[in-house]
């Protein structure tokens, strides 16, 4: 009996089909990792182009630029915060301490436009709205930071921002910085594609001020290429090894 006929004989048909399905899954996983590698490389190129780029003063004509495609570009902006429209980003860590990041609209000086600013971290003990006024920074403030993209979902995992409960007009605690939804719920003329992440200055923040978090930016290709190679290797081993095993197997005795 030829190997092809043996592979698809009554004795081996189910095992052969399962082996072919497994090979197909492994190949698909390999290409999925290559797709993720391409996305990562695109991100690395974009971030590298801007993270060391010239600082942008966020006012005037700069507000009409394609800010969404300038993520991680250094920016400087002056204005006054609207604390009544402030919200919090949950599950933020400073070292080993859990807390939240205060997200506050800033009315840009000389303009009616607003930009959301991730001002910094406060401890979980002060995560409730009633404790936020202790961290207000009134008057004209100058913020130095980087542009970040608005995100409908969290960076890691499938977490979505909760829906509004009956009686609520806007969400106060978020799991991702969805600026477009924040602006819509607050009825604010806010830049919706980006927000500003304030970065630590040379001096420690003063008492009663949120602590700006350092930029967490990793420029690497990760393990995607290695994982793709593993899946393709497993598929090749199974594709070649299974027929070899079947060819050496003795036919099953029938009663």
Protein backbone atom coordinates (compact mmCIF):
# COMPACT_ATOMS: atom_id res chain seq x y z
CA UNK A 1 0.00 0.00 0.00
CA UNK A 2 1.34 3.43 -0.91
CA UNK A 3 1.97 5.95 1.86
CA UNK A 4 -0.73 8.31 0.54
CA UNK A 5 -3.34 5.55 0.59
CA UNK A 6 -2.20 4.46 4.05
CA UNK A 7 -2.47 8.00 5.45
CA UNK A 8 -6.08 8.24 4.31
CA UNK A 9 -7.02 4.64 5.04
CA UNK A 10 -9.75 3.83 7.51
CA UNK A 11 -7.17 3.13 10.21
CA UNK A 12 -5.31 6.47 9.89
CA UNK A 13 -7.90 8.88 8.48
CA UNK A 14 -8.88 10.58 11.74
CA UNK A 15 -5.26 10.94 12.92
CA UNK A 16 -4.25 12.34 9.51
CA UNK A 17 -7.02 14.93 9.55
CA UNK A 18 -6.08 15.99 13.08
CA UNK A 19 -2.42 16.28 12.05
CA UNK A 20 -3.33 18.45 9.04
CA UNK A 21 -5.51 20.70 11.21
CA UNK A 22 -2.67 21.03 13.74
CA UNK A 23 -0.22 21.98 10.99
CA UNK A 24 -2.65 24.59 9.67
CA UNK A 25 -3.12 26.09 13.14
CA UNK A 26 0.63 26.24 13.75
CA UNK A 27 1.27 27.93 10.40
CA UNK A 28 -1.49 30.46 11.11
CA UNK A 29 0.03 31.21 14.52
CA UNK A 30 3.39 31.73 12.84
CA UNK A 31 1.97 34.29 10.41
CA UNK A 32 0.08 35.94 13.29
CA UNK A 33 3.38 36.48 15.07
CA UNK A 34 4.86 37.94 11.88
CA UNK A 35 1.90 40.33 11.66
CA UNK A 36 2.53 41.40 15.24
CA UNK A 37 6.20 41.90 14.40
CA UNK A 38 5.26 44.19 11.51
CA UNK A 39 2.99 46.23 13.80
CA UNK A 40 5.77 46.45 16.38
CA UNK A 41 8.27 47.64 13.79
CA UNK A 42 5.85 50.31 12.59
CA UNK A 43 5.38 51.46 16.17
CA UNK A 44 9.14 51.52 16.79
CA UNK A 45 9.74 53.61 13.67
CA UNK A 46 7.02 56.09 14.59
CA UNK A 47 8.07 56.41 18.23
CA UNK A 48 11.77 56.74 17.39
CA UNK A 49 11.01 59.46 14.85
CA UNK A 50 9.32 61.63 17.46
CA UNK A 51 10.62 60.82 20.93
CA UNK A 52 13.88 62.67 20.23
CA UNK A 53 12.27 65.20 17.91
CA UNK A 54 11.96 68.94 18.41
CA UNK A 55 9.64 70.15 21.13
CA UNK A 56 6.26 71.38 19.92
CA UNK A 57 4.57 74.33 21.60
CA UNK A 58 0.91 73.39 21.63
CA UNK A 59 -0.85 76.58 20.63
CA UNK A 60 -1.97 78.50 17.56
CA UNK A 61 -1.32 76.78 14.24
CA UNK A 62 0.14 73.73 15.98
CA UNK A 63 -3.36 72.74 17.12
CA UNK A 64 -4.33 72.08 13.48
CA UNK A 65 -1.39 69.77 12.78
CA UNK A 66 -1.66 65.98 12.51
CA UNK A 67 -0.97 65.45 16.19
CA UNK A 68 -2.24 61.86 16.15
CA UNK A 69 0.74 60.79 14.06
CA UNK A 70 3.17 62.62 16.34
CA UNK A 71 2.78 60.31 19.33
CA UNK A 72 5.69 60.63 21.79
CA UNK A 73 6.74 64.02 20.42
CA UNK A 74 7.85 66.34 23.24
CA UNK A 75 5.36 69.16 23.83
CA UNK A 76 4.99 72.23 25.99
CA UNK A 77 1.62 73.83 26.71
CA UNK A 78 0.39 76.61 29.00
CA UNK A 79 -3.08 77.14 30.35
CA UNK A 80 -5.48 76.66 33.25
CA UNK A 81 -6.98 73.38 34.39
CA UNK A 82 -10.72 72.68 34.49
CA UNK A 83 -10.89 70.63 37.64
CA UNK A 84 -14.67 70.26 37.48
CA UNK A 85 -14.18 68.09 34.36
CA UNK A 86 -11.39 65.97 35.86
CA UNK A 87 -11.47 62.15 35.74
CA UNK A 88 -9.13 59.36 36.82
CA UNK A 89 -7.32 56.50 35.09
CA UNK A 90 -7.50 53.40 37.27
CA UNK A 91 -4.90 50.76 38.15
CA UNK A 92 -1.78 52.92 37.84
CA UNK A 93 1.40 51.95 39.67
CA UNK A 94 4.26 53.99 41.08
CA UNK A 95 6.86 51.40 41.98
CA UNK A 96 4.91 48.86 44.00
CA UNK A 97 2.18 51.31 45.04
CA UNK A 98 -1.23 51.21 43.40
CA UNK A 99 -3.12 54.40 42.62
CA UNK A 100 -4.76 56.40 39.85
CA UNK A 101 -3.63 59.01 37.34
CA UNK A 102 -5.54 62.29 37.30
CA UNK A 103 -6.71 63.30 33.82
CA UNK A 104 -7.56 66.99 33.67
CA UNK A 105 -8.62 69.18 30.72
CA UNK A 106 -6.37 72.22 30.26
CA UNK A 107 -7.69 75.33 28.55
CA UNK A 108 -4.83 76.32 26.27
CA UNK A 109 -3.62 79.87 26.84
CA UNK A 110 -4.85 82.25 24.15
CA UNK A 111 -7.42 79.77 22.88
CA UNK A 112 -10.80 78.27 23.67
CA UNK A 113 -9.45 74.79 22.87
CA UNK A 114 -8.84 72.21 25.57
CA UNK A 115 -6.29 69.42 25.74
CA UNK A 116 -6.47 66.56 28.22
CA UNK A 117 -3.43 66.27 30.48
CA UNK A 118 -2.39 63.16 32.39
CA UNK A 119 -1.11 65.22 35.31
CA UNK A 120 0.28 62.40 37.40
CA UNK A 121 -0.21 59.66 39.96
CA UNK A 122 -1.94 59.83 43.34
CA UNK A 123 -2.21 56.96 45.86
CA UNK A 124 -5.18 54.61 45.96
CA UNK A 125 -6.19 56.05 49.33
CA UNK A 126 -7.04 59.30 47.51
CA UNK A 127 -8.63 57.68 44.45
CA UNK A 128 -12.12 58.87 45.43
CA UNK A 129 -13.39 62.06 43.82
CA UNK A 130 -13.75 63.81 47.17
CA UNK A 131 -9.95 63.67 47.67
CA UNK A 132 -9.01 65.11 44.27
CA UNK A 133 -9.24 68.83 45.20
CA UNK A 134 -6.22 68.36 47.46
CA UNK A 135 -4.17 67.87 44.27
CA UNK A 136 -5.50 70.92 42.37
CA UNK A 137 -2.94 73.18 40.70
CA UNK A 138 -4.81 76.47 40.21
CA UNK A 139 -3.76 79.35 37.99
CA UNK A 140 -1.80 79.28 34.76
CA UNK A 141 0.37 76.17 34.54
CA UNK A 142 3.09 75.18 32.10
CA UNK A 143 3.07 71.49 31.26
CA UNK A 144 6.08 69.74 29.74
CA UNK A 145 5.42 66.25 28.45
CA UNK A 146 4.77 64.14 25.37
CA UNK A 147 1.83 63.59 23.04
CA UNK A 148 -0.04 60.31 23.50
CA UNK A 149 -2.75 58.81 21.34
CA UNK A 150 -6.31 58.52 22.56
CA UNK A 151 -7.24 54.86 23.03
CA UNK A 152 -10.66 53.24 23.08
CA UNK A 153 -9.28 50.18 24.87
CA UNK A 154 -6.59 49.51 27.44
CA UNK A 155 -3.03 48.92 26.18
CA UNK A 156 -3.00 45.39 27.52
CA UNK A 157 -5.90 42.97 27.54
CA UNK A 158 -9.48 43.31 26.31
CA UNK A 159 -10.59 45.69 29.07
CA UNK A 160 -13.16 48.27 28.00
CA UNK A 161 -14.29 51.40 29.78
CA UNK A 162 -17.55 50.72 31.62
CA UNK A 163 -20.85 52.06 30.39
CA UNK A 164 -22.68 54.79 32.24
CA UNK A 165 -25.02 53.68 35.00
CA UNK A 166 -28.56 55.08 35.22
CA UNK A 167 -28.42 58.62 36.63
CA UNK A 168 -24.78 59.19 35.59
CA UNK A 169 -23.98 61.84 32.98
CA UNK A 170 -20.27 61.06 32.66
CA UNK A 171 -17.78 58.42 33.68
CA UNK A 172 -15.32 59.37 36.41
CA UNK A 173 -13.05 56.30 36.46
CA UNK A 174 -11.55 54.97 33.23
CA UNK A 175 -9.39 52.01 32.21
CA UNK A 176 -8.11 53.68 29.02
CA UNK A 177 -7.74 57.28 27.90
CA UNK A 178 -10.63 57.53 25.45
CA UNK A 179 -10.49 61.29 24.91
CA UNK A 180 -13.25 61.36 22.29
CA UNK A 181 -15.75 59.80 24.68
CA UNK A 182 -14.59 62.00 27.56
CA UNK A 183 -15.10 65.12 25.45
CA UNK A 184 -18.54 63.96 24.31
CA UNK A 185 -19.73 63.16 27.84
CA UNK A 186 -18.45 66.46 29.20
CA UNK A 187 -19.55 68.54 26.20
CA UNK A 188 -16.04 69.99 25.97
CA UNK A 189 -14.20 71.43 22.91
CA UNK A 190 -11.26 69.13 23.56
CA UNK A 191 -8.64 67.76 21.18
CA UNK A 192 -9.94 64.22 20.72
CA UNK A 193 -7.08 62.40 18.98
CA UNK A 194 -4.37 62.98 21.57
CA UNK A 195 -3.65 63.96 25.13
CA UNK A 196 -0.53 65.20 26.90
CA UNK A 197 1.31 63.00 29.36
CA UNK A 198 3.15 65.24 31.81
CA UNK A 199 6.69 64.06 32.46
CA UNK A 200 8.76 64.35 35.64
CA UNK A 201 10.75 67.59 35.88
CA UNK A 202 14.13 67.93 37.48
CA UNK A 203 12.61 68.86 40.83
CA UNK A 204 10.35 66.65 42.89
CA UNK A 205 6.68 67.66 42.70
CA UNK A 206 5.53 69.87 45.51
CA UNK A 207 3.36 68.68 48.35
CA UNK A 208 -0.21 68.20 47.23
CA UNK A 209 0.71 67.74 43.57
CA UNK A 210 0.25 64.54 41.56
CA UNK A 211 3.47 62.75 40.66
CA UNK A 212 4.13 62.65 36.88
CA UNK A 213 5.01 59.13 35.74
CA UNK A 214 8.11 58.48 33.65
CA UNK A 215 7.52 57.55 30.04
CA UNK A 216 7.29 53.78 29.70
CA UNK A 217 8.50 53.28 26.14
CA UNK A 218 10.23 50.12 24.95
CA UNK A 219 11.81 50.21 21.49
CA UNK A 220 12.37 46.55 20.63
CA UNK A 221 11.00 43.85 18.38
CA UNK A 222 10.14 41.61 21.29
CA UNK A 223 9.96 37.85 20.81
CA UNK A 224 7.62 37.80 17.82
CA UNK A 225 10.23 36.62 15.30
CA UNK A 226 11.37 33.84 17.64
CA UNK A 227 7.81 32.69 18.30
CA UNK A 228 7.04 32.70 14.56
CA UNK A 229 10.09 30.55 13.93
CA UNK A 230 9.01 28.11 16.64
CA UNK A 231 5.52 27.69 15.20
CA UNK A 232 6.86 27.15 11.67
CA UNK A 233 9.38 24.63 13.05
CA UNK A 234 6.68 22.71 14.92
CA UNK A 235 4.53 22.66 11.77
CA UNK A 236 7.44 21.34 9.69
CA UNK A 237 8.29 18.63 12.23
CA UNK A 238 4.70 17.44 12.33
CA UNK A 239 4.26 17.65 8.56
CA UNK A 240 7.35 15.52 7.94
CA UNK A 241 7.38 13.41 11.07
CA UNK A 242 3.80 12.19 10.98
CA UNK A 243 4.00 10.53 7.53
CA UNK A 244 7.35 8.95 8.55
CA UNK A 245 5.74 7.53 11.68
CA UNK A 246 2.78 6.18 9.73
CA UNK A 247 5.06 4.61 7.14
CA UNK A 248 6.89 2.66 9.87
CA UNK A 249 3.78 1.67 11.82
CA UNK A 250 2.61 -1.89 11.54
CA UNK A 251 -0.95 -2.40 10.32
CA UNK A 252 -3.44 -2.97 13.10
CA UNK A 253 -4.45 -6.60 13.47
CA UNK A 254 -8.14 -7.33 12.88
CA UNK A 255 -10.01 -10.09 14.64
